[in-house]
Amino acid sequence: MVRKILFGALTLLLALCMVGCGGKKDEGGDAKKDDAKVEVAAPEFGADKAVLAYAQLYAYGVIEDENQKAAGMTEADIEKVQEQVIAPLVEAFKQYPLSEESVAEMTGQYIAKLHAGMDMKTTIKKDDKEHPVVELTATTLNQEGANKVAENNADLVALGTAYGELQAQGLTEEQLKASPEFQQFALESIDKFINEFPLNPESSIEVTCEVVEGSDGKTYWAPQDPEAIAKFVTGQK
């Protein structure tokens, strides 16, 4: 059902921490490297915007353009994560006979709600030339509370009941997908369900960054520990 897959989609983000987004990290820290440091060009964009890009990507799979540029992420980088963030949501909505248009609308609404509700912000905490520290602040989803909401949500129960009754009357999935009335009822029911998700009080984490090289040969800031961001934005911290 929708409730189970939605929360499965959120926790799937924790497996994304090793995805190579943005720059290419140094392969293997050889302890016998030459002591002489190689001068590396400073990244053009601030570490705060780069961290925000990673946070947005792991939270809901969509990044604002300026943050994407700051992290040096290509469309291919983003699509790798989107496949794991957004695809499960689409599959969740397809548990009911929703038209492609309804699925797209519901997915967009879900992402928009997370974007607005989480209100993610970043500020430079320590302006260091090699390892700046960024404070990431957000209002994250309360996973425990959300799971309780999902256990017996009245709106999803009503939707499931209506779906079963219409099937018993002989209506097919294709007919329901073509029914404006059923599509509207389904969208409203799922939207009400999502609106009940509880949020944690605003909290913050500090993210230490490092310089990485992008596929374009330029340098960018990237979090040393992407997993910490993934856990934080999905309410696992």
Protein backbone atom coordinates (compact mmCIF):
# COMPACT_ATOMS: atom_id res chain seq x y z
CA MET A 1 0.00 0.00 0.00
CA VAL A 2 0.95 3.64 -0.38
CA ARG A 3 1.79 4.15 3.30
CA LYS A 4 4.39 1.38 3.42
CA ILE A 5 6.13 2.28 0.20
CA LEU A 6 6.23 5.99 1.01
CA PHE A 7 8.21 5.39 4.15
CA GLY A 8 10.31 2.79 2.41
CA ALA A 9 11.18 5.47 -0.14
CA LEU A 10 12.37 7.80 2.60
CA THR A 11 14.59 5.24 4.27
CA LEU A 12 16.00 4.18 0.91
CA LEU A 13 17.89 7.44 0.95
CA LEU A 14 20.25 6.03 3.51
CA ALA A 15 21.65 3.73 0.85
CA LEU A 16 22.50 6.71 -1.35
CA CYS A 17 25.34 8.01 0.77
CA MET A 18 27.99 6.36 -1.39
CA VAL A 19 26.59 7.64 -4.69
CA GLY A 20 29.25 9.69 -6.43
CA CYS A 21 27.51 12.99 -6.87
CA GLY A 22 29.31 16.07 -8.03
CA GLY A 23 33.06 15.86 -7.88
CA LYS A 24 35.34 12.85 -8.01
CA LYS A 25 36.95 12.17 -4.65
CA ASP A 26 40.61 11.29 -4.34
CA GLU A 27 41.11 7.57 -4.94
CA GLY A 28 42.83 6.09 -1.89
CA GLY A 29 44.59 8.07 0.80
CA ASP A 30 48.19 6.93 0.29
CA ALA A 31 50.12 7.63 3.48
CA LYS A 32 53.31 7.84 1.45
CA LYS A 33 52.25 10.81 -0.65
CA ASP A 34 54.82 13.52 -1.24
CA ASP A 35 54.89 16.06 1.53
CA ALA A 36 54.72 18.89 -1.01
CA LYS A 37 51.15 20.05 -1.37
CA VAL A 38 49.78 20.60 -4.84
CA GLU A 39 48.05 23.93 -5.22
CA VAL A 40 44.38 23.37 -5.98
CA ALA A 41 42.18 26.09 -7.37
CA ALA A 42 39.58 27.30 -4.89
CA PRO A 43 35.99 26.34 -5.75
CA GLU A 44 34.02 29.09 -7.45
CA PHE A 45 30.91 28.55 -5.33
CA GLY A 46 30.49 28.53 -1.56
CA ALA A 47 30.41 25.37 0.53
CA ASP A 48 27.02 26.40 1.97
CA LYS A 49 25.30 26.10 -1.41
CA ALA A 50 27.04 22.81 -2.15
CA VAL A 51 25.84 21.29 1.13
CA LEU A 52 22.32 22.52 0.43
CA ALA A 53 22.45 20.76 -2.93
CA TYR A 54 23.30 17.43 -1.31
CA ALA A 55 20.62 17.93 1.34
CA GLN A 56 17.93 18.72 -1.24
CA LEU A 57 18.93 15.78 -3.39
CA TYR A 58 18.84 13.27 -0.55
CA ALA A 59 15.62 14.70 0.91
CA TYR A 60 13.41 14.83 -2.18
CA GLY A 61 15.49 14.39 -5.33
CA VAL A 62 15.15 17.94 -6.67
CA ILE A 63 17.86 20.61 -6.47
CA GLU A 64 17.58 24.33 -7.12
CA ASP A 65 19.67 25.29 -10.13
CA GLU A 66 22.15 27.53 -8.31
CA ASN A 67 22.85 24.82 -5.74
CA GLN A 68 23.33 22.20 -8.44
CA LYS A 69 25.98 24.39 -10.03
CA ALA A 70 27.67 24.94 -6.68
CA ALA A 71 28.01 21.18 -6.13
CA GLY A 72 29.15 20.49 -9.69
CA MET A 73 26.48 17.84 -10.12
CA THR A 74 25.62 16.70 -13.61
CA GLU A 75 22.15 15.65 -14.68
CA ALA A 76 23.42 12.05 -14.69
CA ASP A 77 24.53 12.39 -11.06
CA ILE A 78 21.11 13.67 -10.05
CA GLU A 79 19.21 11.07 -12.05
CA LYS A 80 21.03 8.25 -10.24
CA VAL A 81 19.62 9.45 -6.95
CA GLN A 82 16.24 10.45 -8.34
CA GLU A 83 15.72 6.89 -9.56
CA GLN A 84 15.89 5.76 -5.95
CA VAL A 85 14.11 8.72 -4.37
CA ILE A 86 11.27 9.48 -6.76
CA ALA A 87 10.68 6.12 -8.46
CA PRO A 88 9.48 4.45 -5.22
CA LEU A 89 7.06 7.33 -4.68
CA VAL A 90 5.66 6.87 -8.16
CA GLU A 91 5.26 3.14 -7.53
CA ALA A 92 3.54 3.89 -4.22
CA PHE A 93 0.97 6.11 -5.89
CA LYS A 94 0.41 3.48 -8.57
CA GLN A 95 -0.92 1.08 -5.92
CA TYR A 96 -4.20 2.81 -6.67
CA PRO A 97 -5.62 3.26 -10.18
CA LEU A 98 -4.16 6.72 -10.72
CA SER A 99 -3.67 8.09 -14.21
CA GLU A 100 -0.17 9.09 -15.30
CA GLU A 101 -1.23 12.70 -14.93
CA SER A 102 -2.44 12.10 -11.38
CA VAL A 103 0.76 10.28 -10.44
CA ALA A 104 2.84 13.17 -11.78
CA GLU A 105 0.68 15.72 -9.94
CA MET A 106 0.80 13.79 -6.66
CA THR A 107 4.56 13.30 -6.87
CA GLY A 108 5.05 17.01 -7.55
CA GLN A 109 2.82 17.94 -4.61
CA TYR A 110 4.69 15.57 -2.30
CA ILE A 111 8.08 17.02 -3.27
CA ALA A 112 6.75 20.58 -2.95
CA LYS A 113 5.42 19.84 0.55
CA LEU A 114 8.77 18.45 1.67
CA HIS A 115 10.60 21.39 0.12
CA ALA A 116 8.40 23.94 1.92
CA GLY A 117 7.98 22.03 5.18
CA MET A 118 11.63 21.19 5.72
CA ASP A 119 12.75 24.79 5.10
CA MET A 120 16.41 23.78 4.74
CA LYS A 121 19.04 26.47 5.26
CA THR A 122 22.82 26.49 5.30
CA THR A 123 25.35 28.92 6.75
CA ILE A 124 29.12 28.91 6.90
CA LYS A 125 30.13 28.00 10.45
CA LYS A 126 33.88 27.88 9.88
CA ASP A 127 35.39 29.54 6.81
CA ASP A 128 38.44 27.31 6.34
CA LYS A 129 40.37 27.17 3.06
CA GLU A 130 40.67 23.37 3.12
CA HIS A 131 37.84 22.12 5.31
CA PRO A 132 35.08 24.67 5.80
CA VAL A 133 32.27 23.72 8.17
CA VAL A 134 28.66 24.36 7.15
CA GLU A 135 25.68 24.37 9.49
CA LEU A 136 22.68 22.66 7.89
CA THR A 137 19.33 23.49 9.50
CA ALA A 138 16.01 21.84 8.68
CA THR A 139 12.65 20.74 10.01
CA THR A 140 12.77 17.01 9.35
CA LEU A 141 10.06 14.36 9.15
CA ASN A 142 9.27 12.61 12.43
CA GLN A 143 9.63 9.02 11.27
CA GLU A 144 8.08 7.43 14.36
CA GLY A 145 5.09 9.75 14.29
CA ALA A 146 4.67 9.34 10.54
CA ASN A 147 4.63 5.56 10.89
CA LYS A 148 1.83 5.84 13.45
CA VAL A 149 -0.16 8.05 11.08
CA ALA A 150 0.33 5.49 8.35
CA GLU A 151 -0.91 2.55 10.40
CA ASN A 152 -4.58 3.42 10.16
CA ASN A 153 -5.07 6.59 8.18
CA ALA A 154 -8.77 7.31 7.67
CA ASP A 155 -8.30 8.93 4.27
CA LEU A 156 -6.40 5.98 2.82
CA VAL A 157 -8.91 3.58 4.36
CA ALA A 158 -11.72 5.53 2.69
CA LEU A 159 -9.87 5.48 -0.62
CA GLY A 160 -9.24 1.75 -0.40
CA THR A 161 -12.86 1.09 0.51
CA ALA A 162 -14.15 3.17 -2.39
CA TYR A 163 -11.74 1.43 -4.76
CA GLY A 164 -12.94 -2.01 -3.62
CA GLU A 165 -16.61 -1.08 -3.93
CA LEU A 166 -16.14 0.29 -7.45
CA GLN A 167 -14.29 -2.87 -8.48
CA ALA A 168 -17.15 -4.94 -7.07
CA GLN A 169 -19.50 -2.96 -9.27
CA GLY A 170 -17.49 -4.07 -12.30
CA LEU A 171 -15.44 -0.96 -12.97
CA THR A 172 -11.95 -1.68 -14.28
CA GLU A 173 -8.70 0.07 -13.39
CA GLU A 174 -8.64 1.73 -16.80
CA GLN A 175 -12.14 3.08 -16.28
CA LEU A 176 -11.18 4.47 -12.88
CA LYS A 177 -8.04 6.05 -14.34
CA ALA A 178 -10.28 7.79 -16.87
CA SER A 179 -12.79 8.93 -14.23
CA PRO A 180 -12.27 12.59 -13.23
CA GLU A 181 -14.35 12.03 -10.09
CA PHE A 182 -12.31 9.07 -8.84
CA GLN A 183 -9.01 10.74 -9.73
CA GLN A 184 -9.96 13.84 -7.77
CA PHE A 185 -11.09 11.77 -4.79
CA ALA A 186 -7.86 9.73 -4.85
CA LEU A 187 -5.65 12.81 -5.06
CA GLU A 188 -7.49 14.52 -2.21
CA SER A 189 -7.29 11.39 -0.03
CA ILE A 190 -3.56 10.90 -0.53
CA ASP A 191 -2.93 14.63 -0.10
CA LYS A 192 -4.74 14.63 3.26
CA PHE A 193 -2.70 11.61 4.32
CA ILE A 194 0.57 13.36 3.47
CA ASN A 195 -0.55 16.53 5.27
CA GLU A 196 -0.77 14.57 8.51
CA PHE A 197 2.93 13.73 8.54
CA PRO A 198 4.37 15.17 11.79
CA LEU A 199 7.61 17.15 11.76
CA ASN A 200 10.41 17.35 14.28
CA PRO A 201 11.40 20.69 15.84
CA GLU A 202 13.96 22.55 13.76
CA SER A 203 17.45 21.17 14.31
CA SER A 204 20.93 21.49 12.84
CA ILE A 205 24.07 19.52 12.08
CA GLU A 206 27.55 20.67 11.19
CA VAL A 207 28.97 19.41 7.90
CA THR A 208 32.71 19.41 7.23
CA CYS A 209 33.53 19.85 3.56
CA GLU A 210 36.47 19.10 1.30
CA VAL A 211 37.54 20.01 -2.22
CA VAL A 212 36.71 17.53 -4.98
CA GLU A 213 37.26 17.62 -8.71
CA GLY A 214 34.21 17.65 -10.94
CA SER A 215 33.83 15.84 -14.24
CA ASP A 216 34.39 19.22 -15.90
CA GLY A 217 37.85 19.51 -14.32
CA LYS A 218 36.78 22.30 -11.96
CA THR A 219 36.87 22.11 -8.17
CA TYR A 220 33.83 22.01 -5.90
CA TRP A 221 33.02 21.65 -2.23
CA ALA A 222 31.52 18.35 -1.11
CA PRO A 223 30.62 16.93 2.31
CA GLN A 224 33.19 14.58 3.79
CA ASP A 225 30.37 12.44 5.17
CA PRO A 226 27.35 12.44 2.83
CA GLU A 227 25.74 9.70 4.93
CA ALA A 228 25.36 12.12 7.83
CA ILE A 229 23.37 14.48 5.59
CA ALA A 230 21.19 11.64 4.30
CA LYS A 231 20.39 10.49 7.82
CA PHE A 232 19.68 14.02 9.00
CA VAL A 233 17.30 15.06 6.21
CA THR A 234 15.35 11.78 6.44
CA GLY A 235 14.85 12.16 10.19
CA GLN A 236 17.18 9.32 11.13
CA LYS A 237 19.49 11.39 13.30
